[in-house]
Amino acid sequence: MSDIAAVATGWGLTFVVVATYALWVVGRGKTIGRELGIGKRQELGPGSDSSTPASS
């Protein structure tokens, strides 16, 4: 195997490992956030209007 092929293989494997780990971290973060209730959108009640200020 030539030096160029060895370097390309090394970079390719490194990219695959880092990308896989990054996707795992993002997925794990979403799972933990869901378990803790972080990032939920609050449902507005039928009588509430977000366009009017509370002081009016």
Protein backbone atom coordinates (compact mmCIF):
# COMPACT_ATOMS: atom_id res chain seq x y z
CA MET A 1 0.00 0.00 0.00
CA SER A 2 1.38 3.36 -0.96
CA ASP A 3 1.81 6.17 1.51
CA ILE A 4 -0.98 8.19 -0.08
CA ALA A 5 -3.42 5.29 0.19
CA ALA A 6 -2.49 4.72 3.84
CA VAL A 7 -3.02 8.39 4.69
CA ALA A 8 -6.33 8.50 2.81
CA THR A 9 -7.50 5.34 4.58
CA GLY A 10 -6.51 6.82 7.96
CA TRP A 11 -8.33 10.07 7.30
CA GLY A 12 -11.38 8.21 6.01
CA LEU A 13 -11.59 5.96 9.05
CA THR A 14 -11.06 8.93 11.36
CA PHE A 15 -13.88 10.83 9.66
CA VAL A 16 -16.25 7.86 9.97
CA VAL A 17 -15.45 7.41 13.66
CA VAL A 18 -15.85 11.12 14.49
CA ALA A 19 -19.10 11.43 12.50
CA THR A 20 -20.55 8.33 14.16
CA TYR A 21 -19.62 9.62 17.61
CA ALA A 22 -21.12 13.04 16.84
CA LEU A 23 -24.42 11.46 15.77
CA TRP A 24 -24.43 9.32 18.93
CA VAL A 25 -23.83 12.40 21.12
CA VAL A 26 -26.67 14.32 19.44
CA GLY A 27 -29.03 11.37 19.80
CA ARG A 28 -28.07 10.86 23.43
CA GLY A 29 -28.57 14.55 24.15
CA LYS A 30 -32.06 14.47 22.65
CA THR A 31 -32.93 11.38 24.69
CA ILE A 32 -31.72 12.96 27.94
CA GLY A 33 -33.51 16.21 27.11
CA ARG A 34 -36.74 14.32 26.49
CA GLU A 35 -36.38 12.47 29.80
CA LEU A 36 -35.80 15.73 31.68
CA GLY A 37 -38.53 17.61 29.83
CA ILE A 38 -36.11 20.13 28.34
CA GLY A 39 -37.11 21.79 25.08
CA LYS A 40 -40.82 21.07 25.25
CA ARG A 41 -43.07 23.58 23.57
CA GLN A 42 -45.75 24.92 25.81
CA GLU A 43 -49.25 24.52 24.45
CA LEU A 44 -51.29 27.70 24.63
CA GLY A 45 -54.72 27.37 26.16
CA PRO A 46 -57.81 28.24 24.12
CA GLY A 47 -58.31 31.52 26.01
CA SER A 48 -54.74 32.73 25.80
CA ASP A 49 -53.41 34.88 23.00
CA SER A 50 -49.66 35.28 22.69
CA SER A 51 -50.00 38.43 20.55
CA THR A 52 -51.53 40.56 23.32
CA PRO A 53 -49.38 41.69 26.24
CA ALA A 54 -50.37 40.56 29.72
CA SER A 55 -50.70 44.14 31.01
CA SER A 56 -53.46 45.17 28.57
